[in-house]
Amino acid sequence: MRRRRLPAAAATRRSTPPGLAALTVLMDERITWHTPGRSSLAGDARNRDETFAQYGRYGAETAGTLRAGFRTAAATDDAG
């Protein structure tokens, strides 16, 4: 199993919630996250920072009541 280093910016960011700190280690920095629909939340996040910002919008739009659970993940070695 390949281990990832925690990026320096994330390691020094004290306000990072524990869940996001773990996701920082697990998520590739080139992640793409799609939110379907036509709402203000819809669209694509094209890297890890944009994806975390999207998670922040989910929390803000739901007044912090959103709860999410992990169901599945897919990975590829494609760089494209």
PDB file of N, CA and C in Angstrom:
ATOM      1  N   MET A   1       0.837  -1.178   0.000  1.00  0.00           N
ATOM      2  CA  MET A   1       0.000   0.000   0.000  1.00  0.00           C
ATOM      3  C   MET A   1       0.883   1.243   0.000  1.00  0.00           C
ATOM      4  N   ARG A   2       0.581   2.169  -0.892  1.00  0.00           N
ATOM      5  CA  ARG A   2       1.351   3.405  -0.994  1.00  0.00           C
ATOM      6  C   ARG A   2       0.861   4.421   0.017  1.00  0.00           C
ATOM      7  N   ARG A   3       1.753   5.001   0.774  1.00  0.00           N
ATOM      8  CA  ARG A   3       1.383   6.030   1.750  1.00  0.00           C
ATOM      9  C   ARG A   3       1.540   7.400   1.126  1.00  0.00           C
ATOM     10  N   ARG A   4       0.649   8.301   1.510  1.00  0.00           N
ATOM     11  CA  ARG A   4       0.699   9.670   1.017  1.00  0.00           C
ATOM     12  C   ARG A   4       1.177  10.589   2.111  1.00  0.00           C
ATOM     13  N   ARG A   5       1.913  11.579   1.726  1.00  0.00           N
ATOM     14  CA  ARG A   5       2.329  12.601   2.689  1.00  0.00           C
ATOM     15  C   ARG A   5       1.250  13.659   2.788  1.00  0.00           C
ATOM     16  N   LEU A   6       1.045  14.132   3.985  1.00  0.00           N
ATOM     17  CA  LEU A   6       0.106  15.217   4.207  1.00  0.00           C
ATOM     18  C   LEU A   6       0.729  16.496   3.680  1.00  0.00           C
ATOM     19  N   PRO A   7       0.046  17.194   2.750  1.00  0.00           N
ATOM     20  CA  PRO A   7       0.614  18.446   2.230  1.00  0.00           C
ATOM     21  C   PRO A   7       0.896  19.429   3.362  1.00  0.00           C
ATOM     22  N   ALA A   8       1.971  20.190   3.230  1.00  0.00           N
ATOM     23  CA  ALA A   8       2.383  21.110   4.284  1.00  0.00           C
ATOM     24  C   ALA A   8       1.287  22.100   4.633  1.00  0.00           C
ATOM     25  N   ALA A   9       0.582  22.612   3.626  1.00  0.00           N
ATOM     26  CA  ALA A   9      -0.484  23.588   3.891  1.00  0.00           C
ATOM     27  C   ALA A   9      -1.578  22.978   4.753  1.00  0.00           C
ATOM     28  N   ALA A  10      -1.939  21.746   4.460  1.00  0.00           N
ATOM     29  CA  ALA A  10      -2.989  21.089   5.242  1.00  0.00           C
ATOM     30  C   ALA A  10      -2.481  20.722   6.633  1.00  0.00           C
ATOM     31  N   ALA A  11      -1.231  20.346   6.728  1.00  0.00           N
ATOM     32  CA  ALA A  11      -0.679  19.944   8.021  1.00  0.00           C
ATOM     33  C   ALA A  11      -0.610  21.111   8.989  1.00  0.00           C
ATOM     34  N   THR A  12      -0.421  22.308   8.465  1.00  0.00           N
ATOM     35  CA  THR A  12      -0.283  23.461   9.349  1.00  0.00           C
ATOM     36  C   THR A  12      -1.604  24.201   9.575  1.00  0.00           C
ATOM     37  N   ARG A  13      -2.636  23.831   8.846  1.00  0.00           N
ATOM     38  CA  ARG A  13      -3.928  24.490   8.981  1.00  0.00           C
ATOM     39  C   ARG A  13      -4.638  23.957  10.229  1.00  0.00           C
ATOM     40  N   ARG A  14      -4.624  24.715  11.296  1.00  0.00           N
ATOM     41  CA  ARG A  14      -5.178  24.251  12.564  1.00  0.00           C
ATOM     42  C   ARG A  14      -6.700  24.194  12.579  1.00  0.00           C
ATOM     43  N   SER A  15      -7.359  24.899  11.687  1.00  0.00           N
ATOM     44  CA  SER A  15      -8.813  24.924  11.693  1.00  0.00           C
ATOM     45  C   SER A  15      -9.424  23.776  10.899  1.00  0.00           C
ATOM     46  N   THR A  16      -8.609  22.892  10.333  1.00  0.00           N
ATOM     47  CA  THR A  16      -9.124  21.777   9.553  1.00  0.00           C
ATOM     48  C   THR A  16      -9.797  20.766  10.475  1.00  0.00           C
ATOM     49  N   PRO A  17     -11.093  20.501  10.243  1.00  0.00           N
ATOM     50  CA  PRO A  17     -11.768  19.482  11.058  1.00  0.00           C
ATOM     51  C   PRO A  17     -11.104  18.124  10.868  1.00  0.00           C
ATOM     52  N   PRO A  18     -11.170  17.250  11.870  1.00  0.00           N
ATOM     53  CA  PRO A  18     -10.504  15.942  11.777  1.00  0.00           C
ATOM     54  C   PRO A  18     -10.911  15.144  10.546  1.00  0.00           C
ATOM     55  N   GLY A  19     -12.183  15.192  10.169  1.00  0.00           N
ATOM     56  CA  GLY A  19     -12.636  14.454   8.984  1.00  0.00           C
ATOM     57  C   GLY A  19     -11.974  14.949   7.716  1.00  0.00           C
ATOM     58  N   LEU A  20     -11.825  16.256   7.582  1.00  0.00           N
ATOM     59  CA  LEU A  20     -11.172  16.796   6.393  1.00  0.00           C
ATOM     60  C   LEU A  20      -9.684  16.520   6.406  1.00  0.00           C
ATOM     61  N   ALA A  21      -9.094  16.489   7.575  1.00  0.00           N
ATOM     62  CA  ALA A  21      -7.673  16.156   7.664  1.00  0.00           C
ATOM     63  C   ALA A  21      -7.447  14.735   7.137  1.00  0.00           C
ATOM     64  N   ALA A  22      -8.317  13.812   7.501  1.00  0.00           N
ATOM     65  CA  ALA A  22      -8.210  12.438   7.007  1.00  0.00           C
ATOM     66  C   ALA A  22      -8.449  12.383   5.501  1.00  0.00           C
ATOM     67  N   LEU A  23      -9.438  13.130   5.023  1.00  0.00           N
ATOM     68  CA  LEU A  23      -9.717  13.142   3.591  1.00  0.00           C
ATOM     69  C   LEU A  23      -8.563  13.745   2.792  1.00  0.00           C
ATOM     70  N   THR A  24      -7.869  14.702   3.373  1.00  0.00           N
ATOM     71  CA  THR A  24      -6.722  15.310   2.694  1.00  0.00           C
ATOM     72  C   THR A  24      -5.677  14.254   2.384  1.00  0.00           C
ATOM     73  N   VAL A  25      -5.496  13.325   3.291  1.00  0.00           N
ATOM     74  CA  VAL A  25      -4.517  12.262   3.091  1.00  0.00           C
ATOM     75  C   VAL A  25      -5.022  11.258   2.058  1.00  0.00           C
ATOM     76  N   LEU A  26      -6.312  10.979   2.071  1.00  0.00           N
ATOM     77  CA  LEU A  26      -6.877   9.945   1.204  1.00  0.00           C
ATOM     78  C   LEU A  26      -7.182  10.414  -0.213  1.00  0.00           C
ATOM     79  N   MET A  27      -7.556  11.679  -0.378  1.00  0.00           N
ATOM     80  CA  MET A  27      -7.967  12.194  -1.687  1.00  0.00           C
ATOM     81  C   MET A  27      -6.783  12.666  -2.508  1.00  0.00           C
ATOM     82  N   ASP A  28      -6.774  12.265  -3.749  1.00  0.00           N
ATOM     83  CA  ASP A  28      -5.773  12.779  -4.670  1.00  0.00           C
ATOM     84  C   ASP A  28      -6.038  14.258  -4.905  1.00  0.00           C
ATOM     85  N   GLU A  29      -4.991  15.033  -5.065  1.00  0.00           N
ATOM     86  CA  GLU A  29      -5.165  16.476  -5.261  1.00  0.00           C
ATOM     87  C   GLU A  29      -5.848  16.792  -6.589  1.00  0.00           C
ATOM     88  N   ARG A  30      -5.931  15.814  -7.505  1.00  0.00           N
ATOM     89  CA  ARG A  30      -6.577  16.020  -8.806  1.00  0.00           C
ATOM     90  C   ARG A  30      -8.017  15.518  -8.847  1.00  0.00           C
ATOM     91  N   ILE A  31      -8.630  15.299  -7.690  1.00  0.00           N
ATOM     92  CA  ILE A  31      -9.995  14.796  -7.624  1.00  0.00           C
ATOM     93  C   ILE A  31     -10.953  15.685  -8.421  1.00  0.00           C
ATOM     94  N   THR A  32     -11.975  15.063  -8.991  1.00  0.00           N
ATOM     95  CA  THR A  32     -13.084  15.794  -9.595  1.00  0.00           C
ATOM     96  C   THR A  32     -14.342  15.375  -8.854  1.00  0.00           C
ATOM     97  N   TRP A  33     -15.110  16.358  -8.393  1.00  0.00           N
ATOM     98  CA  TRP A  33     -16.333  16.105  -7.643  1.00  0.00           C
ATOM     99  C   TRP A  33     -17.485  16.763  -8.388  1.00  0.00           C
ATOM    100  N   HIS A  34     -18.508  15.993  -8.735  1.00  0.00           N
ATOM    101  CA  HIS A  34     -19.644  16.521  -9.488  1.00  0.00           C
ATOM    102  C   HIS A  34     -20.884  16.578  -8.601  1.00  0.00           C
ATOM    103  N   THR A  35     -21.532  17.730  -8.592  1.00  0.00           N
ATOM    104  CA  THR A  35     -22.816  17.893  -7.920  1.00  0.00           C
ATOM    105  C   THR A  35     -23.850  18.160  -9.010  1.00  0.00           C
ATOM    106  N   PRO A  36     -24.769  17.214  -9.233  1.00  0.00           N
ATOM    107  CA  PRO A  36     -25.735  17.375 -10.323  1.00  0.00           C
ATOM    108  C   PRO A  36     -26.797  18.430 -10.012  1.00  0.00           C
ATOM    109  N   GLY A  37     -27.471  18.873 -11.061  1.00  0.00           N
ATOM    110  CA  GLY A  37     -28.601  19.779 -10.889  1.00  0.00           C
ATOM    111  C   GLY A  37     -28.343  21.167 -11.412  1.00  0.00           C
ATOM    112  N   ARG A  38     -29.267  22.069 -11.068  1.00  0.00           N
ATOM    113  CA  ARG A  38     -29.177  23.461 -11.530  1.00  0.00           C
ATOM    114  C   ARG A  38     -29.171  24.449 -10.369  1.00  0.00           C
ATOM    115  N   SER A  39     -28.998  23.964  -9.174  1.00  0.00           N
ATOM    116  CA  SER A  39     -28.993  24.843  -7.999  1.00  0.00           C
ATOM    117  C   SER A  39     -27.671  25.584  -7.887  1.00  0.00           C
ATOM    118  N   SER A  40     -27.579  26.438  -6.903  1.00  0.00           N
ATOM    119  CA  SER A  40     -26.330  27.160  -6.668  1.00  0.00           C
ATOM    120  C   SER A  40     -25.202  26.213  -6.258  1.00  0.00           C
ATOM    121  N   LEU A  41     -25.546  25.015  -5.843  1.00  0.00           N
ATOM    122  CA  LEU A  41     -24.533  24.030  -5.450  1.00  0.00           C
ATOM    123  C   LEU A  41     -24.085  23.148  -6.606  1.00  0.00           C
ATOM    124  N   ALA A  42     -24.808  23.169  -7.714  1.00  0.00           N
ATOM    125  CA  ALA A  42     -24.501  22.294  -8.848  1.00  0.00           C
ATOM    126  C   ALA A  42     -23.202  22.714  -9.525  1.00  0.00           C
ATOM    127  N   GLY A  43     -22.522  21.723 -10.087  1.00  0.00           N
ATOM    128  CA  GLY A  43     -21.307  22.002 -10.845  1.00  0.00           C
ATOM    129  C   GLY A  43     -20.191  21.044 -10.499  1.00  0.00           C
ATOM    130  N   ASP A  44     -19.027  21.343 -11.023  1.00  0.00           N
ATOM    131  CA  ASP A  44     -17.866  20.485 -10.832  1.00  0.00           C
ATOM    132  C   ASP A  44     -16.781  21.188 -10.030  1.00  0.00           C
ATOM    133  N   ALA A  45     -16.220  20.469  -9.092  1.00  0.00           N
ATOM    134  CA  ALA A  45     -15.022  20.910  -8.378  1.00  0.00           C
ATOM    135  C   ALA A  45     -13.880  20.137  -9.023  1.00  0.00           C
ATOM    136  N   ARG A  46     -12.827  20.823  -9.427  1.00  0.00           N
ATOM    137  CA  ARG A  46     -11.796  20.198 -10.241  1.00  0.00           C
ATOM    138  C   ARG A  46     -10.486  19.893  -9.525  1.00  0.00           C
ATOM    139  N   ASN A  47     -10.445  20.032  -8.219  1.00  0.00           N
ATOM    140  CA  ASN A  47      -9.268  19.615  -7.452  1.00  0.00           C
ATOM    141  C   ASN A  47      -9.677  19.489  -5.981  1.00  0.00           C
ATOM    142  N   ARG A  48      -8.750  19.085  -5.154  1.00  0.00           N
ATOM    143  CA  ARG A  48      -9.071  18.834  -3.745  1.00  0.00           C
ATOM    144  C   ARG A  48      -9.526  20.096  -3.023  1.00  0.00           C
ATOM    145  N   ASP A  49      -8.859  21.225  -3.248  1.00  0.00           N
ATOM    146  CA  ASP A  49      -9.255  22.463  -2.571  1.00  0.00           C
ATOM    147  C   ASP A  49     -10.654  22.903  -2.983  1.00  0.00           C
ATOM    148  N   GLU A  50     -10.969  22.814  -4.282  1.00  0.00           N
ATOM    149  CA  GLU A  50     -12.317  23.164  -4.739  1.00  0.00           C
ATOM    150  C   GLU A  50     -13.348  22.200  -4.171  1.00  0.00           C
ATOM    151  N   THR A  51     -12.977  20.926  -4.045  1.00  0.00           N
ATOM    152  CA  THR A  51     -13.894  19.935  -3.475  1.00  0.00           C
ATOM    153  C   THR A  51     -14.185  20.254  -2.015  1.00  0.00           C
ATOM    154  N   PHE A  52     -13.159  20.602  -1.247  1.00  0.00           N
ATOM    155  CA  PHE A  52     -13.380  20.975   0.152  1.00  0.00           C
ATOM    156  C   PHE A  52     -14.212  22.246   0.249  1.00  0.00           C
ATOM    157  N   ALA A  53     -13.988  23.182  -0.665  1.00  0.00           N
ATOM    158  CA  ALA A  53     -14.816  24.401  -0.685  1.00  0.00           C
ATOM    159  C   ALA A  53     -16.275  24.037  -0.970  1.00  0.00           C
ATOM    160  N   GLN A  54     -16.480  23.058  -1.846  1.00  0.00           N
ATOM    161  CA  GLN A  54     -17.849  22.592  -2.141  1.00  0.00           C
ATOM    162  C   GLN A  54     -18.477  21.993  -0.891  1.00  0.00           C
ATOM    163  N   TYR A  55     -17.727  21.215  -0.152  1.00  0.00           N
ATOM    164  CA  TYR A  55     -18.245  20.659   1.102  1.00  0.00           C
ATOM    165  C   TYR A  55     -18.646  21.793   2.051  1.00  0.00           C
ATOM    166  N   GLY A  56     -17.851  22.857   2.084  1.00  0.00           N
ATOM    167  CA  GLY A  56     -18.183  24.011   2.906  1.00  0.00           C
ATOM    168  C   GLY A  56     -19.489  24.655   2.470  1.00  0.00           C
ATOM    169  N   ARG A  57     -19.713  24.727   1.152  1.00  0.00           N
ATOM    170  CA  ARG A  57     -20.984  25.279   0.651  1.00  0.00           C
ATOM    171  C   ARG A  57     -22.155  24.392   1.045  1.00  0.00           C
ATOM    172  N   TYR A  58     -21.960  23.069   0.997  1.00  0.00           N
ATOM    173  CA  TYR A  58     -23.029  22.168   1.445  1.00  0.00           C
ATOM    174  C   TYR A  58     -23.409  22.493   2.887  1.00  0.00           C
ATOM    175  N   GLY A  59     -22.408  22.645   3.732  1.00  0.00           N
ATOM    176  CA  GLY A  59     -22.661  22.947   5.140  1.00  0.00           C
ATOM    177  C   GLY A  59     -23.338  24.292   5.323  1.00  0.00           C
ATOM    178  N   ALA A  60     -22.880  25.295   4.581  1.00  0.00           N
ATOM    179  CA  ALA A  60     -23.463  26.636   4.708  1.00  0.00           C
ATOM    180  C   ALA A  60     -24.906  26.657   4.217  1.00  0.00           C
ATOM    181  N   GLU A  61     -25.176  26.018   3.095  1.00  0.00           N
ATOM    182  CA  GLU A  61     -26.529  26.029   2.521  1.00  0.00           C
ATOM    183  C   GLU A  61     -27.526  25.231   3.358  1.00  0.00           C
ATOM    184  N   THR A  62     -27.034  24.310   4.144  1.00  0.00           N
ATOM    185  CA  THR A  62     -27.933  23.498   4.972  1.00  0.00           C
ATOM    186  C   THR A  62     -27.861  23.895   6.445  1.00  0.00           C
ATOM    187  N   ALA A  63     -27.272  25.053   6.709  1.00  0.00           N
ATOM    188  CA  ALA A  63     -27.125  25.555   8.083  1.00  0.00           C
ATOM    189  C   ALA A  63     -26.461  24.519   8.988  1.00  0.00           C
ATOM    190  N   GLY A  64     -25.535  23.760   8.420  1.00  0.00           N
ATOM    191  CA  GLY A  64     -24.787  22.780   9.199  1.00  0.00           C
ATOM    192  C   GLY A  64     -25.537  21.506   9.529  1.00  0.00           C
ATOM    193  N   THR A  65     -26.705  21.305   8.911  1.00  0.00           N
ATOM    194  CA  THR A  65     -27.490  20.118   9.233  1.00  0.00           C
ATOM    195  C   THR A  65     -27.210  18.935   8.313  1.00  0.00           C
ATOM    196  N   LEU A  66     -26.462  19.148   7.235  1.00  0.00           N
ATOM    197  CA  LEU A  66     -26.159  18.071   6.296  1.00  0.00           C
ATOM    198  C   LEU A  66     -25.338  16.994   6.982  1.00  0.00           C
ATOM    199  N   ARG A  67     -25.730  15.760   6.788  1.00  0.00           N
ATOM    200  CA  ARG A  67     -24.971  14.614   7.278  1.00  0.00           C
ATOM    201  C   ARG A  67     -24.686  13.714   6.098  1.00  0.00           C
ATOM    202  N   ALA A  68     -23.466  13.298   5.945  1.00  0.00           N
ATOM    203  CA  ALA A  68     -23.081  12.455   4.820  1.00  0.00           C
ATOM    204  C   ALA A  68     -22.435  11.185   5.326  1.00  0.00           C
ATOM    205  N   GLY A  69     -22.619  10.131   4.586  1.00  0.00           N
ATOM    206  CA  GLY A  69     -21.994   8.858   4.902  1.00  0.00           C
ATOM    207  C   GLY A  69     -21.248   8.334   3.690  1.00  0.00           C
ATOM    208  N   PHE A  70     -20.238   7.564   3.922  1.00  0.00           N
ATOM    209  CA  PHE A  70     -19.438   6.986   2.852  1.00  0.00           C
ATOM    210  C   PHE A  70     -20.114   5.740   2.328  1.00  0.00           C
ATOM    211  N   ARG A  71     -20.288   5.660   1.000  1.00  0.00           N
ATOM    212  CA  ARG A  71     -20.880   4.472   0.408  1.00  0.00           C
ATOM    213  C   ARG A  71     -19.905   3.731  -0.500  1.00  0.00           C
ATOM    214  N   THR A  72     -19.278   4.452  -1.401  1.00  0.00           N
ATOM    215  CA  THR A  72     -18.372   3.795  -2.343  1.00  0.00           C
ATOM    216  C   THR A  72     -17.367   4.798  -2.892  1.00  0.00           C
ATOM    217  N   ALA A  73     -16.297   4.287  -3.423  1.00  0.00           N
ATOM    218  CA  ALA A  73     -15.283   5.139  -4.041  1.00  0.00           C
ATOM    219  C   ALA A  73     -14.736   4.420  -5.263  1.00  0.00           C
ATOM    220  N   ALA A  74     -14.308   5.183  -6.226  1.00  0.00           N
ATOM    221  CA  ALA A  74     -13.683   4.632  -7.412  1.00  0.00           C
ATOM    222  C   ALA A  74     -12.355   5.345  -7.607  1.00  0.00           C
ATOM    223  N   ALA A  75     -11.383   4.635  -8.093  1.00  0.00           N
ATOM    224  CA  ALA A  75     -10.063   5.233  -8.295  1.00  0.00           C
ATOM    225  C   ALA A  75      -9.501   4.776  -9.621  1.00  0.00           C
ATOM    226  N   THR A  76      -8.663   5.612 -10.178  1.00  0.00           N
ATOM    227  CA  THR A  76      -7.967   5.284 -11.410  1.00  0.00           C
ATOM    228  C   THR A  76      -6.580   5.899 -11.366  1.00  0.00           C
ATOM    229  N   ASP A  77      -5.687   5.329 -12.108  1.00  0.00           N
ATOM    230  CA  ASP A  77      -4.342   5.889 -12.212  1.00  0.00           C
ATOM    231  C   ASP A  77      -4.226   6.852 -13.388  1.00  0.00           C
ATOM    232  N   ASP A  78      -5.328   7.059 -14.102  1.00  0.00           N
ATOM    233  CA  ASP A  78      -5.321   7.973 -15.250  1.00  0.00           C
ATOM    234  C   ASP A  78      -4.985   9.381 -14.790  1.00  0.00           C
ATOM    235  N   ALA A  79      -4.127  10.040 -15.515  1.00  0.00           N
ATOM    236  CA  ALA A  79      -3.756  11.411 -15.196  1.00  0.00           C
ATOM    237  C   ALA A  79      -4.614  12.400 -15.955  1.00  0.00           C
ATOM    238  N   GLY A  80      -5.495  11.936 -16.820  1.00  0.00           N
ATOM    239  CA  GLY A  80      -6.289  12.826 -17.665  1.00  0.00           C
ATOM    240  C   GLY A  80      -7.552  13.173 -17.054  1.00  0.00           C
TER     241      GLY A  80
END
